[in-house]
Every structure is written in structure tokens, then in C-alpha cells.
Amino acid sequence: MSAKQLLLIDDEPTIQEVVKISLELESDWIILLASSGSEGIKKAEAEQPDAILLDVMMPDMDGIATFEKLRDNSKTQTIPVVFLTAKARTAQEFQPMNLGISGIITKPFNSLQLASQIAKILGWRLKS
């Protein structure tokens, strides 16, 4: 069985680094990175990751617009998406787009528990 691929779309290099390192330590997943919504959509089309971790607050195209474009694209519409947000929004606030949102993780997150949070949301296993 091949390792799961997770695409992180986040404009903050520090968040990218923390997420990548913590997930690689706690799992055997392959972590792909994108710094903007448009870059993330292109990478999702090309790489077909098993899931996307998507920052909500980004310049240019925010996470909600990115999510909508991913859903409108036949190549990416079935990829599970987990929102990563600094705003303590509830799932009800995202209800209009809830078709396909797999979960929401709020920042700041505990980097030591991030992999298990994602695994629980997506039903994935961590490395043994």
C-alpha cells in the first residue's frame, strides 16, 4: 500500500514548515506544499493528493474561494478537504459549503497532535 499524499495550501512559510515536519514525524504521509489557492489548485490537479489541508485566510484567493474552485473542477472535486483556520468558526458557519468539507482544524494547533487530528477526520492510519 502506497503512502497517503496530503496537500497543504497555506500562504505562511512558518505554518508550512511546522505542519510538514510534524506530519512527517508522526505519519508516513507524503506532504505536498502550495503557497496560494491558485498554486494549490494546479498542484491538486497534477498530483491528485488523497486529501487537502486548506488555510481559510489567504491573500488573493482565500480558502473558501479555493474550496469552491476545487469543487467545480472535475479533477479535484472528490478530494477530501480539511479547513485550517485561525478564526474559531464553527462548522455551522461553513454550512453553505459543507458538501465535501471533511473537517475544520483551528490555529493555533498542537503540532504533536496534528497528525492524529487529521487521521481521525479522514479515517487514515498513522505509521506503526
N, C-alpha and C. Protein backbone atom coordinates (compact mmCIF):
# COMPACT_ATOMS: atom_id res chain seq x y z
N MET A 1 0.84 -1.18 0.00
CA MET A 1 0.00 0.00 0.00
C MET A 1 0.89 1.25 0.00
N SER A 2 0.61 2.17 -0.91
CA SER A 2 1.45 3.37 -1.00
C SER A 2 1.04 4.39 0.05
N ALA A 3 1.98 5.25 0.38
CA ALA A 3 1.74 6.27 1.40
C ALA A 3 0.70 7.28 0.91
N LYS A 4 -0.08 7.80 1.83
CA LYS A 4 -1.07 8.83 1.53
C LYS A 4 -0.34 10.14 1.20
N GLN A 5 -0.93 10.92 0.31
CA GLN A 5 -0.41 12.24 -0.01
C GLN A 5 -1.38 13.29 0.51
N LEU A 6 -0.83 14.26 1.24
CA LEU A 6 -1.63 15.36 1.77
C LEU A 6 -1.06 16.66 1.22
N LEU A 7 -1.93 17.45 0.60
CA LEU A 7 -1.52 18.76 0.06
C LEU A 7 -1.91 19.84 1.06
N LEU A 8 -0.92 20.59 1.53
CA LEU A 8 -1.17 21.73 2.41
C LEU A 8 -1.15 22.99 1.56
N ILE A 9 -2.25 23.75 1.58
CA ILE A 9 -2.32 25.03 0.89
C ILE A 9 -2.37 26.11 1.97
N ASP A 10 -1.27 26.82 2.15
CA ASP A 10 -1.15 27.86 3.18
C ASP A 10 -0.11 28.87 2.73
N ASP A 11 -0.41 30.16 2.90
CA ASP A 11 0.49 31.21 2.43
C ASP A 11 1.62 31.52 3.40
N GLU A 12 1.59 30.96 4.61
CA GLU A 12 2.62 31.27 5.61
C GLU A 12 3.72 30.20 5.63
N PRO A 13 4.96 30.57 5.26
CA PRO A 13 6.06 29.60 5.23
C PRO A 13 6.28 28.91 6.59
N THR A 14 6.11 29.64 7.68
CA THR A 14 6.31 29.04 9.01
C THR A 14 5.29 27.94 9.27
N ILE A 15 4.04 28.18 8.92
CA ILE A 15 2.99 27.16 9.09
C ILE A 15 3.30 25.96 8.20
N GLN A 16 3.71 26.22 6.96
CA GLN A 16 4.07 25.12 6.06
C GLN A 16 5.16 24.24 6.67
N GLU A 17 6.19 24.88 7.21
CA GLU A 17 7.31 24.14 7.78
C GLU A 17 6.88 23.34 9.01
N VAL A 18 6.13 23.96 9.92
CA VAL A 18 5.68 23.27 11.14
C VAL A 18 4.78 22.08 10.79
N VAL A 19 3.84 22.30 9.88
CA VAL A 19 2.92 21.23 9.50
C VAL A 19 3.69 20.09 8.83
N LYS A 20 4.54 20.41 7.89
CA LYS A 20 5.30 19.38 7.16
C LYS A 20 6.15 18.55 8.12
N ILE A 21 6.89 19.22 8.98
CA ILE A 21 7.77 18.49 9.91
C ILE A 21 6.95 17.64 10.88
N SER A 22 5.90 18.21 11.46
CA SER A 22 5.13 17.45 12.45
C SER A 22 4.42 16.26 11.81
N LEU A 23 3.89 16.43 10.61
CA LEU A 23 3.20 15.32 9.96
C LEU A 23 4.17 14.24 9.50
N GLU A 24 5.35 14.64 9.03
CA GLU A 24 6.34 13.64 8.61
C GLU A 24 6.89 12.86 9.80
N LEU A 25 6.95 13.49 10.97
CA LEU A 25 7.42 12.79 12.17
C LEU A 25 6.38 11.79 12.68
N GLU A 26 5.12 12.15 12.58
CA GLU A 26 4.04 11.35 13.17
C GLU A 26 3.37 10.39 12.20
N SER A 27 3.64 10.53 10.91
CA SER A 27 2.96 9.69 9.93
C SER A 27 3.94 9.29 8.83
N ASP A 28 3.46 8.45 7.92
CA ASP A 28 4.28 8.11 6.75
C ASP A 28 3.70 8.77 5.50
N TRP A 29 2.92 9.84 5.71
CA TRP A 29 2.31 10.55 4.60
C TRP A 29 3.34 11.39 3.85
N ILE A 30 3.07 11.60 2.58
CA ILE A 30 3.87 12.50 1.76
C ILE A 30 3.18 13.85 1.79
N ILE A 31 3.90 14.89 2.20
CA ILE A 31 3.32 16.22 2.34
C ILE A 31 3.74 17.09 1.17
N LEU A 32 2.74 17.56 0.43
CA LEU A 32 2.96 18.47 -0.69
C LEU A 32 2.59 19.88 -0.22
N LEU A 33 3.26 20.89 -0.74
CA LEU A 33 3.03 22.26 -0.29
C LEU A 33 2.64 23.18 -1.45
N ALA A 34 1.72 24.09 -1.16
CA ALA A 34 1.36 25.15 -2.09
C ALA A 34 1.17 26.43 -1.27
N SER A 35 1.61 27.56 -1.83
CA SER A 35 1.60 28.83 -1.09
C SER A 35 0.42 29.74 -1.40
N SER A 36 -0.44 29.32 -2.33
CA SER A 36 -1.60 30.13 -2.68
C SER A 36 -2.72 29.22 -3.17
N GLY A 37 -3.91 29.78 -3.24
CA GLY A 37 -5.03 29.00 -3.73
C GLY A 37 -4.83 28.54 -5.16
N SER A 38 -4.38 29.43 -6.04
CA SER A 38 -4.20 29.05 -7.45
C SER A 38 -3.10 28.00 -7.61
N GLU A 39 -2.01 28.15 -6.86
CA GLU A 39 -0.95 27.14 -6.91
C GLU A 39 -1.48 25.80 -6.36
N GLY A 40 -2.28 25.86 -5.32
CA GLY A 40 -2.84 24.65 -4.73
C GLY A 40 -3.76 23.91 -5.69
N ILE A 41 -4.57 24.66 -6.42
CA ILE A 41 -5.48 24.03 -7.40
C ILE A 41 -4.67 23.33 -8.49
N LYS A 42 -3.63 24.00 -9.00
CA LYS A 42 -2.78 23.40 -10.03
C LYS A 42 -2.11 22.14 -9.50
N LYS A 43 -1.59 22.22 -8.27
CA LYS A 43 -0.90 21.06 -7.69
C LYS A 43 -1.88 19.92 -7.43
N ALA A 44 -3.09 20.25 -6.98
CA ALA A 44 -4.11 19.22 -6.73
C ALA A 44 -4.48 18.52 -8.04
N GLU A 45 -4.61 19.27 -9.12
CA GLU A 45 -4.91 18.67 -10.43
C GLU A 45 -3.79 17.73 -10.87
N ALA A 46 -2.54 18.19 -10.72
CA ALA A 46 -1.39 17.43 -11.21
C ALA A 46 -1.06 16.21 -10.34
N GLU A 47 -1.12 16.38 -9.02
CA GLU A 47 -0.66 15.34 -8.09
C GLU A 47 -1.77 14.41 -7.60
N GLN A 48 -3.03 14.87 -7.65
CA GLN A 48 -4.17 14.09 -7.15
C GLN A 48 -3.92 13.57 -5.73
N PRO A 49 -3.72 14.49 -4.77
CA PRO A 49 -3.45 14.05 -3.38
C PRO A 49 -4.67 13.33 -2.80
N ASP A 50 -4.44 12.59 -1.73
CA ASP A 50 -5.52 11.87 -1.06
C ASP A 50 -6.40 12.82 -0.24
N ALA A 51 -5.85 13.98 0.15
CA ALA A 51 -6.61 14.98 0.89
C ALA A 51 -5.89 16.32 0.80
N ILE A 52 -6.64 17.38 1.14
CA ILE A 52 -6.09 18.74 1.13
C ILE A 52 -6.35 19.38 2.48
N LEU A 53 -5.31 19.98 3.05
CA LEU A 53 -5.41 20.79 4.26
C LEU A 53 -5.34 22.23 3.77
N LEU A 54 -6.43 22.98 3.93
CA LEU A 54 -6.59 24.28 3.27
C LEU A 54 -6.77 25.41 4.27
N ASP A 55 -5.83 26.37 4.24
CA ASP A 55 -5.93 27.56 5.07
C ASP A 55 -7.09 28.42 4.57
N VAL A 56 -7.89 28.94 5.49
CA VAL A 56 -9.04 29.76 5.11
C VAL A 56 -8.61 31.18 4.78
N MET A 57 -7.74 31.78 5.60
CA MET A 57 -7.35 33.18 5.44
C MET A 57 -6.05 33.28 4.61
N MET A 58 -6.22 33.60 3.32
CA MET A 58 -5.07 33.80 2.44
C MET A 58 -5.34 35.02 1.57
N PRO A 59 -4.28 35.74 1.16
CA PRO A 59 -4.48 36.88 0.26
C PRO A 59 -4.87 36.38 -1.14
N ASP A 60 -5.29 37.28 -1.98
CA ASP A 60 -5.72 36.97 -3.35
C ASP A 60 -6.94 36.07 -3.36
N MET A 61 -6.75 34.76 -3.34
CA MET A 61 -7.86 33.82 -3.31
C MET A 61 -7.88 33.14 -1.95
N ASP A 62 -8.92 33.42 -1.16
CA ASP A 62 -8.97 32.82 0.18
C ASP A 62 -9.35 31.34 0.09
N GLY A 63 -9.34 30.69 1.24
CA GLY A 63 -9.61 29.26 1.28
C GLY A 63 -11.00 28.88 0.81
N ILE A 64 -11.98 29.72 1.08
CA ILE A 64 -13.35 29.41 0.67
C ILE A 64 -13.47 29.46 -0.86
N ALA A 65 -12.89 30.49 -1.48
CA ALA A 65 -12.89 30.58 -2.95
C ALA A 65 -12.10 29.42 -3.56
N THR A 66 -10.98 29.07 -2.93
CA THR A 66 -10.18 27.94 -3.40
C THR A 66 -10.99 26.65 -3.32
N PHE A 67 -11.68 26.46 -2.18
CA PHE A 67 -12.52 25.27 -1.99
C PHE A 67 -13.59 25.18 -3.09
N GLU A 68 -14.23 26.30 -3.37
CA GLU A 68 -15.28 26.32 -4.40
C GLU A 68 -14.72 25.96 -5.77
N LYS A 69 -13.51 26.46 -6.09
CA LYS A 69 -12.89 26.13 -7.37
C LYS A 69 -12.48 24.65 -7.42
N LEU A 70 -12.02 24.11 -6.29
CA LEU A 70 -11.68 22.68 -6.24
C LEU A 70 -12.93 21.84 -6.48
N ARG A 71 -14.06 22.26 -5.92
CA ARG A 71 -15.32 21.51 -6.08
C ARG A 71 -15.87 21.63 -7.49
N ASP A 72 -15.60 22.75 -8.16
CA ASP A 72 -16.09 22.95 -9.53
C ASP A 72 -15.23 22.25 -10.58
N ASN A 73 -14.08 21.74 -10.17
CA ASN A 73 -13.12 21.12 -11.08
C ASN A 73 -13.30 19.60 -11.04
N SER A 74 -13.59 18.99 -12.18
CA SER A 74 -13.84 17.54 -12.22
C SER A 74 -12.64 16.72 -11.76
N LYS A 75 -11.42 17.27 -11.87
CA LYS A 75 -10.22 16.55 -11.47
C LYS A 75 -10.00 16.58 -9.95
N THR A 76 -10.61 17.55 -9.26
CA THR A 76 -10.33 17.72 -7.83
C THR A 76 -11.58 17.67 -6.95
N GLN A 77 -12.75 17.54 -7.55
CA GLN A 77 -13.99 17.69 -6.77
C GLN A 77 -14.22 16.62 -5.71
N THR A 78 -13.60 15.47 -5.84
CA THR A 78 -13.82 14.40 -4.85
C THR A 78 -12.71 14.31 -3.79
N ILE A 79 -11.70 15.17 -3.88
CA ILE A 79 -10.61 15.13 -2.89
C ILE A 79 -11.13 15.72 -1.58
N PRO A 80 -11.01 14.96 -0.47
CA PRO A 80 -11.45 15.50 0.83
C PRO A 80 -10.65 16.74 1.22
N VAL A 81 -11.36 17.73 1.79
CA VAL A 81 -10.73 18.99 2.19
C VAL A 81 -10.99 19.22 3.68
N VAL A 82 -9.90 19.54 4.41
CA VAL A 82 -9.98 19.93 5.81
C VAL A 82 -9.55 21.38 5.88
N PHE A 83 -10.42 22.23 6.44
CA PHE A 83 -10.07 23.64 6.59
C PHE A 83 -9.13 23.82 7.78
N LEU A 84 -8.15 24.71 7.61
CA LEU A 84 -7.23 25.10 8.66
C LEU A 84 -7.47 26.59 8.85
N THR A 85 -7.97 27.00 10.03
CA THR A 85 -8.37 28.39 10.20
C THR A 85 -7.92 28.97 11.53
N ALA A 86 -7.51 30.24 11.50
CA ALA A 86 -7.15 30.94 12.73
C ALA A 86 -8.40 31.47 13.41
N LYS A 87 -9.47 31.58 12.67
CA LYS A 87 -10.73 32.05 13.24
C LYS A 87 -11.45 30.87 13.87
N ALA A 88 -11.93 31.06 15.06
CA ALA A 88 -12.62 29.98 15.76
C ALA A 88 -14.05 29.87 15.24
N ARG A 89 -14.18 29.60 13.97
CA ARG A 89 -15.50 29.47 13.36
C ARG A 89 -16.04 28.07 13.65
N THR A 90 -17.32 27.99 13.69
CA THR A 90 -17.95 26.68 13.90
C THR A 90 -18.30 26.08 12.56
N ALA A 91 -18.55 24.81 12.56
CA ALA A 91 -18.93 24.11 11.32
C ALA A 91 -20.20 24.72 10.73
N GLN A 92 -21.08 25.24 11.57
CA GLN A 92 -22.33 25.84 11.08
C GLN A 92 -22.06 27.06 10.20
N GLU A 93 -21.00 27.81 10.50
CA GLU A 93 -20.69 28.99 9.70
C GLU A 93 -20.27 28.60 8.28
N PHE A 94 -19.76 27.38 8.12
CA PHE A 94 -19.34 26.90 6.81
C PHE A 94 -20.44 26.04 6.17
N GLN A 95 -21.61 25.99 6.78
CA GLN A 95 -22.69 25.12 6.32
C GLN A 95 -23.02 25.27 4.83
N PRO A 96 -23.06 26.48 4.27
CA PRO A 96 -23.39 26.57 2.84
C PRO A 96 -22.44 25.78 1.94
N MET A 97 -21.17 25.62 2.38
CA MET A 97 -20.20 24.88 1.57
C MET A 97 -19.95 23.50 2.13
N ASN A 98 -20.76 23.05 3.04
CA ASN A 98 -20.44 21.84 3.78
C ASN A 98 -20.46 20.56 2.94
N LEU A 99 -20.86 20.64 1.72
CA LEU A 99 -20.80 19.47 0.85
C LEU A 99 -19.35 19.21 0.50
N GLY A 100 -18.73 18.31 1.20
CA GLY A 100 -17.35 17.97 0.90
C GLY A 100 -16.33 18.43 1.91
N ILE A 101 -16.69 19.31 2.82
CA ILE A 101 -15.73 19.68 3.87
C ILE A 101 -15.66 18.51 4.83
N SER A 102 -14.46 17.98 4.99
CA SER A 102 -14.30 16.82 5.86
C SER A 102 -14.13 17.20 7.32
N GLY A 103 -13.59 18.39 7.57
CA GLY A 103 -13.38 18.82 8.94
C GLY A 103 -12.75 20.20 9.00
N ILE A 104 -12.61 20.70 10.23
CA ILE A 104 -12.01 22.01 10.47
C ILE A 104 -11.03 21.87 11.63
N ILE A 105 -9.81 22.37 11.43
CA ILE A 105 -8.80 22.40 12.49
C ILE A 105 -8.47 23.87 12.72
N THR A 106 -8.50 24.30 13.99
CA THR A 106 -8.24 25.70 14.28
C THR A 106 -6.78 25.93 14.65
N LYS A 107 -6.28 27.10 14.25
CA LYS A 107 -4.94 27.57 14.65
C LYS A 107 -5.13 28.41 15.91
N PRO A 108 -4.25 28.41 16.84
CA PRO A 108 -3.05 27.57 16.84
C PRO A 108 -3.42 26.12 17.14
N PHE A 109 -2.73 25.20 16.50
CA PHE A 109 -2.95 23.78 16.72
C PHE A 109 -1.75 23.22 17.46
N ASN A 110 -1.94 22.09 18.09
CA ASN A 110 -0.84 21.40 18.77
C ASN A 110 -0.14 20.55 17.71
N SER A 111 1.09 20.91 17.37
CA SER A 111 1.79 20.21 16.29
C SER A 111 2.00 18.72 16.59
N LEU A 112 2.05 18.37 17.88
CA LEU A 112 2.23 16.97 18.24
C LEU A 112 0.94 16.16 18.08
N GLN A 113 -0.19 16.85 17.98
CA GLN A 113 -1.47 16.15 17.83
C GLN A 113 -2.08 16.34 16.44
N LEU A 114 -1.42 17.11 15.58
CA LEU A 114 -1.98 17.44 14.28
C LEU A 114 -2.21 16.19 13.42
N ALA A 115 -1.23 15.31 13.36
CA ALA A 115 -1.38 14.09 12.54
C ALA A 115 -2.54 13.25 13.02
N SER A 116 -2.69 13.10 14.33
CA SER A 116 -3.80 12.28 14.84
C SER A 116 -5.14 12.96 14.60
N GLN A 117 -5.19 14.30 14.66
CA GLN A 117 -6.42 15.03 14.34
C GLN A 117 -6.83 14.78 12.89
N ILE A 118 -5.87 14.91 11.98
CA ILE A 118 -6.14 14.71 10.56
C ILE A 118 -6.54 13.25 10.29
N ALA A 119 -5.80 12.33 10.90
CA ALA A 119 -6.11 10.90 10.73
C ALA A 119 -7.52 10.58 11.20
N LYS A 120 -7.93 11.16 12.32
CA LYS A 120 -9.28 10.93 12.84
C LYS A 120 -10.34 11.48 11.88
N ILE A 121 -10.13 12.69 11.39
CA ILE A 121 -11.09 13.32 10.47
C ILE A 121 -11.23 12.50 9.18
N LEU A 122 -10.10 12.04 8.64
CA LEU A 122 -10.10 11.38 7.34
C LEU A 122 -10.20 9.85 7.41
N GLY A 123 -10.09 9.30 8.63
CA GLY A 123 -10.14 7.85 8.76
C GLY A 123 -8.85 7.18 8.29
N TRP A 124 -7.73 7.90 8.41
CA TRP A 124 -6.43 7.37 7.99
C TRP A 124 -5.71 6.76 9.18
N ARG A 125 -4.71 5.95 8.90
CA ARG A 125 -3.87 5.38 9.95
C ARG A 125 -2.55 6.14 10.02
N LEU A 126 -2.02 6.21 11.22
CA LEU A 126 -0.68 6.77 11.39
C LEU A 126 0.31 5.64 11.23
N LYS A 127 1.59 5.98 11.07
CA LYS A 127 2.58 4.91 10.89
C LYS A 127 2.66 4.07 12.14
N SER A 128 2.97 2.80 11.95
CA SER A 128 3.01 1.89 13.10
C SER A 128 4.33 1.94 13.82
